[in-house]
C-alpha atoms as a PDB file:
ATOM      1  CA  UNK A   1     169.256 -16.972 124.425  1.00  0.00           C
ATOM      2  CA  UNK A   2     169.621 -19.300 121.533  1.00  0.00           C
ATOM      3  CA  UNK A   3     167.381 -18.973 118.414  1.00  0.00           C
ATOM      4  CA  UNK A   4     165.482 -22.139 119.462  1.00  0.00           C
ATOM      5  CA  UNK A   5     164.810 -20.665 123.017  1.00  0.00           C
ATOM      6  CA  UNK A   6     163.877 -17.342 121.482  1.00  0.00           C
ATOM      7  CA  UNK A   7     161.304 -19.152 119.111  1.00  0.00           C
ATOM      8  CA  UNK A   8     159.840 -21.142 121.986  1.00  0.00           C
ATOM      9  CA  UNK A   9     159.171 -17.880 123.928  1.00  0.00           C
ATOM     10  CA  UNK A  10     157.517 -16.349 121.083  1.00  0.00           C
ATOM     11  CA  UNK A  11     155.226 -19.454 120.588  1.00  0.00           C
ATOM     12  CA  UNK A  12     154.230 -19.072 124.113  1.00  0.00           C
ATOM     13  CA  UNK A  13     153.239 -15.418 123.743  1.00  0.00           C
ATOM     14  CA  UNK A  14     151.071 -16.377 120.742  1.00  0.00           C
ATOM     15  CA  UNK A  15     149.498 -19.073 122.442  1.00  0.00           C
ATOM     16  CA  UNK A  16     148.546 -17.170 125.503  1.00  0.00           C
ATOM     17  CA  UNK A  17     145.082 -15.830 126.076  1.00  0.00           C
ATOM     18  CA  UNK A  18     144.532 -12.305 125.119  1.00  0.00           C
ATOM     19  CA  UNK A  19     144.626 -10.197 128.242  1.00  0.00           C
ATOM     20  CA  UNK A  20     142.097  -7.384 128.131  1.00  0.00           C
ATOM     21  CA  UNK A  21     143.537  -4.122 129.475  1.00  0.00           C
ATOM     22  CA  UNK A  22     140.860  -2.125 131.407  1.00  0.00           C
ATOM     23  CA  UNK A  23     140.160   1.587 130.771  1.00  0.00           C
ATOM     24  CA  UNK A  24     139.780   4.177 133.598  1.00  0.00           C
ATOM     25  CA  UNK A  25     136.116   3.957 134.357  1.00  0.00           C
ATOM     26  CA  UNK A  26     135.517   7.755 133.346  1.00  0.00           C
ATOM     27  CA  UNK A  27     136.997   6.967 129.807  1.00  0.00           C
ATOM     28  CA  UNK A  28     135.028   3.801 129.299  1.00  0.00           C
ATOM     29  CA  UNK A  29     131.673   5.579 130.453  1.00  0.00           C
ATOM     30  CA  UNK A  30     132.326   8.848 128.458  1.00  0.00           C
ATOM     31  CA  UNK A  31     132.852   6.621 125.249  1.00  0.00           C
ATOM     32  CA  UNK A  32     129.483   5.245 125.798  1.00  0.00           C
ATOM     33  CA  UNK A  33     127.800   8.531 125.415  1.00  0.00           C
ATOM     34  CA  UNK A  34     130.326   9.775 122.830  1.00  0.00           C
ATOM     35  CA  UNK A  35     129.455   7.032 120.610  1.00  0.00           C
ATOM     36  CA  UNK A  36     125.672   6.426 121.523  1.00  0.00           C
ATOM     37  CA  UNK A  37     126.543   2.832 122.485  1.00  0.00           C
ATOM     38  CA  UNK A  38     123.178   2.745 124.546  1.00  0.00           C
ATOM     39  CA  UNK A  39     121.180   4.108 121.710  1.00  0.00           C
ATOM     40  CA  UNK A  40     119.883   7.557 121.002  1.00  0.00           C
ATOM     41  CA  UNK A  41     121.114   9.866 118.230  1.00  0.00           C
ATOM     42  CA  UNK A  42     124.245  11.905 117.843  1.00  0.00           C
ATOM     43  CA  UNK A  43     122.720  15.154 119.343  1.00  0.00           C
ATOM     44  CA  UNK A  44     121.605  13.620 122.603  1.00  0.00           C
ATOM     45  CA  UNK A  45     122.884  12.110 125.847  1.00  0.00           C
ATOM     46  CA  UNK A  46     120.926   8.869 126.311  1.00  0.00           C
ATOM     47  CA  UNK A  47     121.239   6.299 129.087  1.00  0.00           C
ATOM     48  CA  UNK A  48     119.630   3.253 127.151  1.00  0.00           C
ATOM     49  CA  UNK A  49     116.244   1.367 127.274  1.00  0.00           C
ATOM     50  CA  UNK A  50     116.723   0.830 130.852  1.00  0.00           C
ATOM     51  CA  UNK A  51     116.187   4.593 131.575  1.00  0.00           C
ATOM     52  CA  UNK A  52     113.476   5.291 129.031  1.00  0.00           C
ATOM     53  CA  UNK A  53     111.156   2.298 128.399  1.00  0.00           C
ATOM     54  CA  UNK A  54     108.004   2.931 130.335  1.00  0.00           C
ATOM     55  CA  UNK A  55     107.675  -0.735 130.982  1.00  0.00           C
ATOM     56  CA  UNK A  56     110.720  -0.465 133.120  1.00  0.00           C
ATOM     57  CA  UNK A  57     110.838   3.107 134.317  1.00  0.00           C
ATOM     58  CA  UNK A  58     107.188   3.673 135.486  1.00  0.00           C
ATOM     59  CA  UNK A  59     107.022   0.666 137.988  1.00  0.00           C
ATOM     60  CA  UNK A  60     110.321   1.926 139.357  1.00  0.00           C
ATOM     61  CA  UNK A  61     109.241   5.444 139.802  1.00  0.00           C
ATOM     62  CA  UNK A  62     106.065   4.483 141.458  1.00  0.00           C
ATOM     63  CA  UNK A  63     107.776   2.192 144.175  1.00  0.00           C
ATOM     64  CA  UNK A  64     110.752   4.702 144.970  1.00  0.00           C
ATOM     65  CA  UNK A  65     108.274   7.680 144.950  1.00  0.00           C
ATOM     66  CA  UNK A  66     106.091   5.855 147.298  1.00  0.00           C
ATOM     67  CA  UNK A  67     108.915   4.940 149.609  1.00  0.00           C
ATOM     68  CA  UNK A  68     110.223   8.506 149.573  1.00  0.00           C
ATOM     69  CA  UNK A  69     106.862   9.828 150.473  1.00  0.00           C
ATOM     70  CA  UNK A  70     106.075   7.505 153.446  1.00  0.00           C
ATOM     71  CA  UNK A  71     108.300   9.768 155.584  1.00  0.00           C
ATOM     72  CA  UNK A  72     106.774  12.774 157.430  1.00  0.00           C
ATOM     73  CA  UNK A  73     110.147  14.744 156.827  1.00  0.00           C
ATOM     74  CA  UNK A  74     111.343  14.304 153.202  1.00  0.00           C
ATOM     75  CA  UNK A  75     114.798  12.661 152.990  1.00  0.00           C
ATOM     76  CA  UNK A  76     117.918  13.803 151.323  1.00  0.00           C
ATOM     77  CA  UNK A  77     118.640  11.663 148.303  1.00  0.00           C
ATOM     78  CA  UNK A  78     121.936  10.842 146.435  1.00  0.00           C
ATOM     79  CA  UNK A  79     121.359   9.381 143.044  1.00  0.00           C
ATOM     80  CA  UNK A  80     124.650   7.553 142.191  1.00  0.00           C
ATOM     81  CA  UNK A  81     124.913   7.232 138.556  1.00  0.00           C
ATOM     82  CA  UNK A  82     122.069   9.281 137.672  1.00  0.00           C
ATOM     83  CA  UNK A  83     122.804   9.154 133.842  1.00  0.00           C
ATOM     84  CA  UNK A  84     120.705  11.318 131.552  1.00  0.00           C
ATOM     85  CA  UNK A  85     118.264  12.123 134.676  1.00  0.00           C
ATOM     86  CA  UNK A  86     115.254  10.912 132.850  1.00  0.00           C
ATOM     87  CA  UNK A  87     114.268   9.080 135.881  1.00  0.00           C
ATOM     88  CA  UNK A  88     115.684  11.247 138.524  1.00  0.00           C
ATOM     89  CA  UNK A  89     113.672  14.282 137.249  1.00  0.00           C
ATOM     90  CA  UNK A  90     110.564  12.510 138.596  1.00  0.00           C
ATOM     91  CA  UNK A  91     111.830  11.800 141.921  1.00  0.00           C
ATOM     92  CA  UNK A  92     113.253  15.279 142.901  1.00  0.00           C
ATOM     93  CA  UNK A  93     109.982  16.748 144.176  1.00  0.00           C
ATOM     94  CA  UNK A  94     109.861  14.154 146.797  1.00  0.00           C
ATOM     95  CA  UNK A  95     113.369  14.814 148.380  1.00  0.00           C
ATOM     96  CA  UNK A  96     114.251  17.724 150.828  1.00  0.00           C
ATOM     97  CA  UNK A  97     117.468  17.834 148.504  1.00  0.00           C
ATOM     98  CA  UNK A  98     118.393  15.744 145.552  1.00  0.00           C
ATOM     99  CA  UNK A  99     122.158  15.139 144.797  1.00  0.00           C
ATOM    100  CA  UNK A 100     122.376  13.661 141.207  1.00  0.00           C
ATOM    101  CA  UNK A 101     125.988  12.240 140.625  1.00  0.00           C
ATOM    102  CA  UNK A 102     127.755  10.570 137.572  1.00  0.00           C
ATOM    103  CA  UNK A 103     131.307  10.164 136.292  1.00  0.00           C
ATOM    104  CA  UNK A 104     130.936  11.805 132.733  1.00  0.00           C
ATOM    105  CA  UNK A 105     131.748  15.633 132.581  1.00  0.00           C
ATOM    106  CA  UNK A 106     129.998  16.471 129.481  1.00  0.00           C
ATOM    107  CA  UNK A 107     126.889  14.621 130.538  1.00  0.00           C
ATOM    108  CA  UNK A 108     126.768  16.298 133.763  1.00  0.00           C
ATOM    109  CA  UNK A 109     127.149  19.775 132.159  1.00  0.00           C
ATOM    110  CA  UNK A 110     124.146  18.934 129.731  1.00  0.00           C
ATOM    111  CA  UNK A 111     121.983  17.898 132.945  1.00  0.00           C
ATOM    112  CA  UNK A 112     122.796  20.939 134.772  1.00  0.00           C
ATOM    113  CA  UNK A 113     121.876  23.151 131.918  1.00  0.00           C
ATOM    114  CA  UNK A 114     118.616  21.239 131.183  1.00  0.00           C
ATOM    115  CA  UNK A 115     117.271  20.590 134.779  1.00  0.00           C
ATOM    116  CA  UNK A 116     117.350  23.451 137.271  1.00  0.00           C
ATOM    117  CA  UNK A 117     115.458  23.128 140.452  1.00  0.00           C
ATOM    118  CA  UNK A 118     116.004  24.687 143.863  1.00  0.00           C
ATOM    119  CA  UNK A 119     116.415  21.382 145.609  1.00  0.00           C
ATOM    120  CA  UNK A 120     118.670  19.901 142.889  1.00  0.00           C
ATOM    121  CA  UNK A 121     122.448  19.791 142.693  1.00  0.00           C
ATOM    122  CA  UNK A 122     124.462  17.878 139.939  1.00  0.00           C
ATOM    123  CA  UNK A 123     127.984  16.414 140.927  1.00  0.00           C
ATOM    124  CA  UNK A 124     130.664  15.091 138.549  1.00  0.00           C
ATOM    125  CA  UNK A 125     132.256  12.400 140.710  1.00  0.00           C
ATOM    126  CA  UNK A 126     133.562   8.912 140.513  1.00  0.00           C
ATOM    127  CA  UNK A 127     131.399   7.340 143.194  1.00  0.00           C
ATOM    128  CA  UNK A 128     134.127   4.532 143.620  1.00  0.00           C
ATOM    129  CA  UNK A 129     136.836   6.823 144.834  1.00  0.00           C
ATOM    130  CA  UNK A 130     135.558  10.471 145.398  1.00  0.00           C
ATOM    131  CA  UNK A 131     133.896  11.580 148.705  1.00  0.00           C
ATOM    132  CA  UNK A 132     130.108  11.446 148.181  1.00  0.00           C
ATOM    133  CA  UNK A 133     127.642  13.979 149.521  1.00  0.00           C
ATOM    134  CA  UNK A 134     125.929  13.043 152.829  1.00  0.00           C
ATOM    135  CA  UNK A 135     122.219  12.047 152.850  1.00  0.00           C
ATOM    136  CA  UNK A 136     119.560   9.744 154.057  1.00  0.00           C
ATOM    137  CA  UNK A 137     118.915   7.697 151.106  1.00  0.00           C
ATOM    138  CA  UNK A 138     121.061   6.466 148.236  1.00  0.00           C
ATOM    139  CA  UNK A 139     119.773   5.251 144.722  1.00  0.00           C
ATOM    140  CA  UNK A 140     121.948   3.009 142.623  1.00  0.00           C
ATOM    141  CA  UNK A 141     120.238   1.984 139.664  1.00  0.00           C
ATOM    142  CA  UNK A 142     121.691  -0.337 137.388  1.00  0.00           C
ATOM    143  CA  UNK A 143     125.280   1.063 137.991  1.00  0.00           C
ATOM    144  CA  UNK A 144     127.119  -1.779 139.753  1.00  0.00           C
ATOM    145  CA  UNK A 145     126.617  -4.121 137.103  1.00  0.00           C
ATOM    146  CA  UNK A 146     128.736  -2.177 134.778  1.00  0.00           C
ATOM    147  CA  UNK A 147     131.687  -2.013 137.326  1.00  0.00           C
ATOM    148  CA  UNK A 148     134.610  -4.420 138.362  1.00  0.00           C
ATOM    149  CA  UNK A 149     134.245  -6.145 141.959  1.00  0.00           C
ATOM    150  CA  UNK A 150     136.919  -3.872 143.213  1.00  0.00           C
ATOM    151  CA  UNK A 151     134.908  -0.756 142.316  1.00  0.00           C
ATOM    152  CA  UNK A 152     131.878  -2.254 143.838  1.00  0.00           C
ATOM    153  CA  UNK A 153     133.376  -3.182 147.000  1.00  0.00           C
ATOM    154  CA  UNK A 154     134.664   0.445 147.249  1.00  0.00           C
ATOM    155  CA  UNK A 155     131.111   1.817 146.571  1.00  0.00           C
ATOM    156  CA  UNK A 156     129.548  -0.551 149.075  1.00  0.00           C
ATOM    157  CA  UNK A 157     131.873   0.740 151.874  1.00  0.00           C
ATOM    158  CA  UNK A 158     130.545   4.299 151.047  1.00  0.00           C
ATOM    159  CA  UNK A 159     126.860   2.979 150.807  1.00  0.00           C
ATOM    160  CA  UNK A 160     127.073   1.820 154.465  1.00  0.00           C
ATOM    161  CA  UNK A 161     127.066   5.501 155.389  1.00  0.00           C
ATOM    162  CA  UNK A 162     123.548   6.001 154.138  1.00  0.00           C
ATOM    163  CA  UNK A 163     120.479   4.771 156.439  1.00  0.00           C
ATOM    164  CA  UNK A 164     118.583   3.626 153.221  1.00  0.00           C
ATOM    165  CA  UNK A 165     120.007   2.378 149.857  1.00  0.00           C
ATOM    166  CA  UNK A 166     117.902   1.232 147.036  1.00  0.00           C
ATOM    167  CA  UNK A 167     119.883  -0.884 144.588  1.00  0.00           C
ATOM    168  CA  UNK A 168     118.510  -2.024 141.043  1.00  0.00           C
ATOM    169  CA  UNK A 169     120.460  -4.795 139.151  1.00  0.00           C
ATOM    170  CA  UNK A 170     119.976  -6.690 135.871  1.00  0.00           C
ATOM    171  CA  UNK A 171     120.443 -10.315 136.720  1.00  0.00           C
ATOM    172  CA  UNK A 172     119.853 -13.777 134.986  1.00  0.00           C
ATOM    173  CA  UNK A 173     116.487 -15.535 135.712  1.00  0.00           C
ATOM    174  CA  UNK A 174     116.613 -18.665 137.855  1.00  0.00           C
ATOM    175  CA  UNK A 175     120.002 -19.787 139.458  1.00  0.00           C
ATOM    176  CA  UNK A 176     123.137 -18.006 138.578  1.00  0.00           C
ATOM    177  CA  UNK A 177     126.726 -17.775 140.059  1.00  0.00           C
ATOM    178  CA  UNK A 178     126.874 -14.175 141.478  1.00  0.00           C
ATOM    179  CA  UNK A 179     129.453 -11.447 141.286  1.00  0.00           C
ATOM    180  CA  UNK A 180     131.714 -12.978 138.653  1.00  0.00           C
ATOM    181  CA  UNK A 181     134.387 -10.141 137.884  1.00  0.00           C
ATOM    182  CA  UNK A 182     134.608  -8.054 134.872  1.00  0.00           C
ATOM    183  CA  UNK A 183     136.207  -5.037 133.458  1.00  0.00           C
ATOM    184  CA  UNK A 184     134.248  -1.995 134.045  1.00  0.00           C
ATOM    185  CA  UNK A 185     132.443  -0.754 130.876  1.00  0.00           C
ATOM    186  CA  UNK A 186     129.334  -0.967 128.692  1.00  0.00           C
ATOM    187  CA  UNK A 187     128.514  -4.666 129.261  1.00  0.00           C
ATOM    188  CA  UNK A 188     127.172  -6.308 132.142  1.00  0.00           C
ATOM    189  CA  UNK A 189     127.528 -10.002 133.651  1.00  0.00           C
ATOM    190  CA  UNK A 190     124.344 -11.442 132.213  1.00  0.00           C
ATOM    191  CA  UNK A 191     126.285 -13.137 129.342  1.00  0.00           C
ATOM    192  CA  UNK A 192     128.408 -14.963 131.904  1.00  0.00           C
ATOM    193  CA  UNK A 193     125.070 -16.119 133.696  1.00  0.00           C
ATOM    194  CA  UNK A 194     126.034 -13.895 136.487  1.00  0.00           C
ATOM    195  CA  UNK A 195     124.784 -10.581 138.129  1.00  0.00           C
ATOM    196  CA  UNK A 196     125.348  -8.499 141.252  1.00  0.00           C
ATOM    197  CA  UNK A 197     124.371  -9.778 144.507  1.00  0.00           C
ATOM    198  CA  UNK A 198     125.862  -7.529 147.379  1.00  0.00           C
ATOM    199  CA  UNK A 199     125.087  -9.727 150.081  1.00  0.00           C
ATOM    200  CA  UNK A 200     127.111 -12.784 148.570  1.00  0.00           C
ATOM    201  CA  UNK A 201     130.867 -13.495 148.034  1.00  0.00           C
ATOM    202  CA  UNK A 202     132.963 -11.478 147.703  1.00  0.00           C
ATOM    203  CA  UNK A 203     131.251  -8.651 149.224  1.00  0.00           C
ATOM    204  CA  UNK A 204     129.099 -10.023 152.081  1.00  0.00           C
ATOM    205  CA  UNK A 205     127.745  -6.454 152.455  1.00  0.00           C
ATOM    206  CA  UNK A 206     126.358  -6.191 156.066  1.00  0.00           C
ATOM    207  CA  UNK A 207     122.777  -4.453 156.478  1.00  0.00           C
ATOM    208  CA  UNK A 208     120.184  -4.371 159.102  1.00  0.00           C
ATOM    209  CA  UNK A 209     117.186  -5.073 156.757  1.00  0.00           C
ATOM    210  CA  UNK A 210     116.337  -6.209 152.960  1.00  0.00           C
ATOM    211  CA  UNK A 211     113.218  -5.656 151.262  1.00  0.00           C
ATOM    212  CA  UNK A 212     112.551  -6.277 147.729  1.00  0.00           C
ATOM    213  CA  UNK A 213     110.597  -3.608 146.150  1.00  0.00           C
ATOM    214  CA  UNK A 214     110.213  -4.493 142.522  1.00  0.00           C
ATOM    215  CA  UNK A 215     110.966  -7.496 139.956  1.00  0.00           C
ATOM    216  CA  UNK A 216     110.547  -7.153 136.533  1.00  0.00           C
ATOM    217  CA  UNK A 217     110.829 -10.267 134.246  1.00  0.00           C
ATOM    218  CA  UNK A 218     112.131  -9.336 130.724  1.00  0.00           C
ATOM    219  CA  UNK A 219     111.031 -11.254 127.480  1.00  0.00           C
ATOM    220  CA  UNK A 220     113.241 -13.605 125.274  1.00  0.00           C
ATOM    221  CA  UNK A 221     115.158 -14.704 128.192  1.00  0.00           C
ATOM    222  CA  UNK A 222     116.816 -11.467 129.014  1.00  0.00           C
ATOM    223  CA  UNK A 223     116.668 -11.989 132.715  1.00  0.00           C
ATOM    224  CA  UNK A 224     115.038  -9.562 135.251  1.00  0.00           C
ATOM    225  CA  UNK A 225     115.560  -6.296 136.796  1.00  0.00           C
ATOM    226  CA  UNK A 226     115.239  -6.459 140.408  1.00  0.00           C
ATOM    227  CA  UNK A 227     115.060  -3.380 142.865  1.00  0.00           C
ATOM    228  CA  UNK A 228     115.919  -4.032 146.495  1.00  0.00           C
ATOM    229  CA  UNK A 229     115.795  -1.742 149.607  1.00  0.00           C
ATOM    230  CA  UNK A 230     118.528  -2.162 152.169  1.00  0.00           C
ATOM    231  CA  UNK A 231     118.499  -0.580 155.479  1.00  0.00           C
ATOM    232  CA  UNK A 232     121.705   0.215 157.327  1.00  0.00           C
ATOM    233  CA  UNK A 233     122.228   1.057 160.908  1.00  0.00           C
END
């Protein structure tokens, strides 16, 4: 290669857009808690405003607990992405057994030491790749919005094995382009005027029935948080 040709190749590299290299999801999520990127102080595990603001949390607990109590025989619940368990702790009593699952080892060790109930089991698993506990109802609260489309697709395949799936997502208000791809991590698709819609391309998740349980409009144009019940089989 001549000097001229070499200089041209270097110029192309400098002009090409920067390529983001994705971290493994476990590392990305562990960093969030290590560095308190969702708030809280250095001495605690904190899953952010969405898991602690009463304006967001109380209505969610109300609609999910009402759903779980509507069954004569309590359901086995799998909470996929349970975070710091500030929400799950108020739902355990309505389940025959409650499987709480998250990907961050230190977080799950903390939860296991803090919350001990006879019908509660914590599991440190990657919900996209690991085998999940069986159950009647899966709760997936503001989890998919942080993941790549590939991981969302993998999770949806597993969710088809649960009769009931309650998914909560933070989406833009008004019209938006669903399911723009992203690297898994702290951020969500809102800045791209996008959000997860499991029934749209590229997922086209097939379910028997769909019922919106809750929609909360956030202030200052921050979109809305929607909770939807999907029934399979």
